[in-house]
Amino acid sequence: MHEMFLFCRECAVLHPIGALHADDDDAALDLAEFRSGHEAHGLEQARCVPDSAVYDAPAWDPMATRWFRVAVGSELLQVRSWRISIEEPRRHEIATAPAISAERVEIDARLLRHALDRHFYPHALRPAKLERFIDAIRALLATVDPAATTTTFDDPSVPNASIGPFPAWLCDPLLNRCSAIFDAWELERVASFIDNHRFEDGALAIRVRRVLARSAA
């Protein structure tokens, strides 16, 4: 993502600026056309606010619409960045901020079910116990402050999401809740499952996600 933009306040549009390479003829032409079309309005410089972007699709998708903040002096503005087709350059315009819910801490329940089934093989868990286990995890994660969690890497398949280890301080409370769900022999297996899968590459890994409640225009 570009760090600096030219901002035409009258037209509420922006254009990225930065170092151009020798073969960036199209980019140089686009910038010259933007200056020519808006310079009479009075152009200002805008700087992208780090870590402010949210997307409506995975960040690697070239067609993803993204919203981010820029600073124009001491003023903060919301920008919508989008394109009509893959052949067209991105457009940047001032937009109403998208409604974003508080960050969520989630688990991949489908992955968790499969992993726990494999862990118990050749024995089988009753589906009701498996669902109670997942409900117990969700209840504990509902008490977690997303801003205080540790994440390790971005989730490439989910917009605005990062993956991290299951909070270590929740492992004992989770095991305590499991004692009311599982038989003694099952509880030993569950304890080893928690120990093996609590890291960011395990089935108990958490996903911290920001959710776009609606699109901005």
Protein backbone atom coordinates (compact mmCIF):
# COMPACT_ATOMS: atom_id res chain seq x y z
CA MET A 1 0.00 0.00 0.00
CA HIS A 2 1.20 3.49 -0.80
CA GLU A 3 2.27 5.72 2.09
CA MET A 4 1.81 9.15 0.51
CA PHE A 5 -0.99 10.66 -1.57
CA LEU A 6 -1.94 13.92 -3.24
CA PHE A 7 -5.36 15.01 -1.99
CA CYS A 8 -7.84 17.22 -3.82
CA ARG A 9 -10.24 18.37 -1.13
CA GLU A 10 -12.66 19.96 -3.60
CA CYS A 11 -13.15 16.70 -5.51
CA ALA A 12 -12.62 14.38 -2.49
CA VAL A 13 -10.15 12.19 -4.43
CA LEU A 14 -6.56 11.13 -3.87
CA HIS A 15 -3.71 9.86 -6.00
CA PRO A 16 -0.70 7.90 -4.73
CA ILE A 17 2.74 9.48 -4.97
CA GLY A 18 6.18 8.11 -4.34
CA ALA A 19 9.39 7.13 -6.03
CA LEU A 20 8.77 6.11 -9.66
CA HIS A 21 10.98 3.57 -11.41
CA ALA A 22 12.35 4.13 -14.90
CA ASP A 23 9.73 1.81 -16.44
CA ASP A 24 6.77 3.35 -14.59
CA ASP A 25 5.60 5.33 -17.64
CA ASP A 26 1.92 4.64 -17.00
CA ALA A 27 2.19 5.62 -13.33
CA ALA A 28 4.02 8.83 -14.21
CA LEU A 29 1.38 9.68 -16.82
CA ASP A 30 -1.47 9.00 -14.38
CA LEU A 31 0.17 11.24 -11.77
CA ALA A 32 0.72 14.02 -14.33
CA GLU A 33 -2.92 13.81 -15.41
CA PHE A 34 -4.10 13.98 -11.81
CA ARG A 35 -1.97 17.05 -11.15
CA SER A 36 -3.22 18.70 -14.34
CA GLY A 37 -6.84 18.02 -13.51
CA HIS A 38 -6.78 19.06 -9.85
CA GLU A 39 -3.85 21.42 -9.26
CA ALA A 40 -6.08 24.49 -9.71
CA HIS A 41 -8.16 23.29 -6.74
CA GLY A 42 -5.15 23.30 -4.43
CA LEU A 43 -3.51 19.96 -3.66
CA GLU A 44 -2.50 18.74 -0.20
CA GLN A 45 -0.34 15.85 0.90
CA ALA A 46 -1.89 12.97 2.80
CA ARG A 47 -0.04 10.23 4.67
CA CYS A 48 -1.47 6.75 5.20
CA VAL A 49 -2.05 5.86 8.87
CA PRO A 50 -0.24 2.56 9.57
CA ASP A 51 -2.33 -0.53 10.40
CA SER A 52 -5.62 1.21 9.60
CA ALA A 53 -6.71 -0.87 6.58
CA VAL A 54 -9.71 -3.17 6.46
CA TYR A 55 -10.79 -5.22 3.45
CA ASP A 56 -13.95 -6.79 2.05
CA ALA A 57 -11.93 -9.74 0.68
CA PRO A 58 -8.51 -11.28 1.37
CA ALA A 59 -5.79 -8.62 1.17
CA TRP A 60 -4.02 -10.47 -1.67
CA ASP A 61 -7.11 -10.22 -3.91
CA PRO A 62 -6.39 -7.44 -6.46
CA MET A 63 -10.13 -6.68 -6.69
CA ALA A 64 -10.57 -6.29 -2.93
CA THR A 65 -11.99 -2.98 -1.80
CA ARG A 66 -10.11 -1.55 1.15
CA TRP A 67 -10.70 1.30 3.54
CA PHE A 68 -7.90 3.06 5.39
CA ARG A 69 -7.21 6.35 7.14
CA VAL A 70 -4.94 9.15 6.00
CA ALA A 71 -3.62 12.12 7.91
CA VAL A 72 -3.83 15.54 6.23
CA GLY A 73 -1.99 17.70 8.70
CA SER A 74 -3.76 16.99 12.00
CA GLU A 75 -6.98 15.87 10.28
CA LEU A 76 -7.83 12.18 9.86
CA LEU A 77 -9.90 11.11 6.86
CA GLN A 78 -11.28 7.77 5.72
CA VAL A 79 -10.37 6.59 2.20
CA ARG A 80 -12.05 3.99 0.02
CA SER A 81 -9.72 2.28 -2.48
CA TRP A 82 -11.31 0.23 -5.26
CA ARG A 83 -11.18 -0.65 -8.94
CA ILE A 84 -13.71 -1.48 -11.66
CA SER A 85 -11.63 -4.25 -13.25
CA ILE A 86 -8.20 -5.81 -12.96
CA GLU A 87 -7.04 -3.78 -15.97
CA GLU A 88 -8.00 -0.47 -14.35
CA PRO A 89 -5.90 1.37 -11.76
CA ARG A 90 -7.26 1.77 -8.26
CA ARG A 91 -9.39 4.77 -7.43
CA HIS A 92 -8.99 6.51 -4.09
CA GLU A 93 -11.75 8.68 -2.69
CA ILE A 94 -12.84 10.10 0.64
CA ALA A 95 -15.54 7.86 2.08
CA THR A 96 -17.74 7.44 5.10
CA ALA A 97 -15.98 5.08 7.48
CA PRO A 98 -17.27 1.51 7.21
CA ALA A 99 -19.11 0.30 10.29
CA ILE A 100 -16.74 -2.09 12.02
CA SER A 101 -17.73 -4.21 14.98
CA ALA A 102 -15.42 -4.71 17.90
CA GLU A 103 -12.70 -7.21 17.09
CA ARG A 104 -13.70 -10.82 17.58
CA VAL A 105 -11.69 -13.73 18.93
CA GLU A 106 -12.76 -16.92 17.15
CA ILE A 107 -11.81 -20.54 16.61
CA ASP A 108 -12.10 -22.67 13.50
CA ALA A 109 -14.79 -25.02 14.79
CA ARG A 110 -14.72 -27.24 11.71
CA LEU A 111 -10.98 -27.78 11.97
CA LEU A 112 -11.31 -28.38 15.71
CA ARG A 113 -13.95 -31.09 15.27
CA HIS A 114 -11.84 -32.98 12.73
CA ALA A 115 -8.68 -32.69 14.80
CA LEU A 116 -10.35 -33.94 17.98
CA ASP A 117 -11.89 -36.86 16.08
CA ARG A 118 -8.45 -37.82 14.78
CA HIS A 119 -6.96 -37.45 18.26
CA PHE A 120 -9.45 -39.95 19.73
CA TYR A 121 -9.23 -42.48 16.88
CA PRO A 122 -9.96 -45.43 16.95
CA HIS A 123 -12.39 -44.38 19.70
CA ALA A 124 -15.21 -42.00 18.94
CA LEU A 125 -16.55 -39.06 20.90
CA ARG A 126 -20.26 -38.53 21.21
CA PRO A 127 -21.24 -35.49 19.06
CA ALA A 128 -22.95 -33.87 22.05
CA LYS A 129 -19.71 -33.93 24.03
CA LEU A 130 -17.77 -32.49 21.11
CA GLU A 131 -20.24 -29.60 20.80
CA ARG A 132 -20.11 -28.93 24.54
CA PHE A 133 -16.31 -28.78 24.29
CA ILE A 134 -16.54 -26.21 21.49
CA ASP A 135 -19.13 -24.23 23.45
CA ALA A 136 -16.80 -24.18 26.47
CA ILE A 137 -13.98 -22.79 24.33
CA ARG A 138 -16.23 -20.10 22.86
CA ALA A 139 -17.47 -19.09 26.31
CA LEU A 140 -13.90 -18.64 27.55
CA LEU A 141 -12.82 -16.72 24.45
CA ALA A 142 -15.78 -14.38 24.90
CA THR A 143 -14.00 -13.05 27.99
CA VAL A 144 -10.79 -12.26 26.08
CA ASP A 145 -9.90 -8.70 25.07
CA PRO A 146 -8.93 -8.92 21.38
CA ALA A 147 -6.52 -6.00 21.78
CA ALA A 148 -4.62 -7.92 24.46
CA THR A 149 -4.17 -11.13 22.47
CA THR A 150 -0.97 -12.19 20.76
CA THR A 151 -1.13 -13.04 17.06
CA THR A 152 1.64 -14.51 14.95
CA PHE A 153 0.66 -14.12 11.30
CA ASP A 154 -2.13 -12.85 9.07
CA ASP A 155 -4.77 -15.30 7.90
CA PRO A 156 -4.45 -15.32 4.07
CA SER A 157 -7.95 -16.71 3.55
CA VAL A 158 -10.00 -14.40 5.79
CA PRO A 159 -10.13 -10.59 5.46
CA ASN A 160 -8.85 -8.50 8.40
CA ALA A 161 -7.83 -11.55 10.43
CA SER A 162 -4.71 -12.76 12.23
CA ILE A 163 -3.85 -16.13 13.77
CA GLY A 164 -2.33 -16.67 17.20
CA PRO A 165 -1.90 -19.30 19.91
CA PHE A 166 -4.71 -20.22 22.27
CA PRO A 167 -4.17 -18.03 25.37
CA ALA A 168 -2.02 -20.01 27.80
CA TRP A 169 -3.90 -18.67 30.82
CA LEU A 170 -7.13 -20.24 29.49
CA CYS A 171 -5.77 -23.79 29.25
CA ASP A 172 -6.41 -24.71 32.91
CA PRO A 173 -9.89 -23.11 32.99
CA LEU A 174 -10.75 -25.00 29.80
CA LEU A 175 -9.59 -28.30 31.30
CA ASN A 176 -11.62 -27.58 34.44
CA ARG A 177 -14.75 -27.11 32.33
CA CYS A 178 -13.98 -30.31 30.45
CA SER A 179 -14.15 -32.31 33.69
CA ALA A 180 -17.94 -31.84 33.64
CA ILE A 181 -18.16 -32.99 30.01
CA PHE A 182 -15.89 -35.99 29.59
CA ASP A 183 -15.33 -39.31 31.34
CA ALA A 184 -12.01 -39.75 33.17
CA TRP A 185 -10.28 -41.62 30.33
CA GLU A 186 -11.58 -39.08 27.82
CA LEU A 187 -10.36 -36.21 29.98
CA GLU A 188 -6.78 -37.52 29.77
CA ARG A 189 -7.01 -37.51 25.97
CA VAL A 190 -8.49 -34.01 25.97
CA ALA A 191 -5.68 -32.76 28.20
CA SER A 192 -3.07 -34.04 25.74
CA PHE A 193 -5.06 -32.56 22.86
CA ILE A 194 -5.03 -29.11 24.49
CA ASP A 195 -1.31 -29.38 25.13
CA ASN A 196 -0.57 -30.43 21.54
CA HIS A 197 -2.89 -28.00 19.74
CA ARG A 198 -2.74 -24.76 21.73
CA PHE A 199 -0.11 -23.17 19.48
CA GLU A 200 -0.73 -20.98 16.44
CA ASP A 201 -0.33 -23.96 14.08
CA GLY A 202 -2.70 -26.17 16.07
CA ALA A 203 -6.43 -26.78 15.98
CA LEU A 204 -6.96 -24.55 19.03
CA ALA A 205 -5.33 -21.53 17.37
CA ILE A 206 -7.40 -18.39 17.69
CA ARG A 207 -8.38 -15.97 14.94
CA VAL A 208 -8.61 -12.28 15.81
CA ARG A 209 -10.86 -10.65 13.23
CA ARG A 210 -12.32 -7.24 12.47
CA VAL A 211 -15.70 -7.41 10.76
CA LEU A 212 -17.12 -5.01 8.20
CA ALA A 213 -20.77 -4.65 9.13
CA ARG A 214 -21.54 -2.77 5.91
CA SER A 215 -19.75 -1.34 2.89
CA ALA A 216 -18.83 2.31 2.74
CA ALA A 217 -19.33 4.53 -0.26
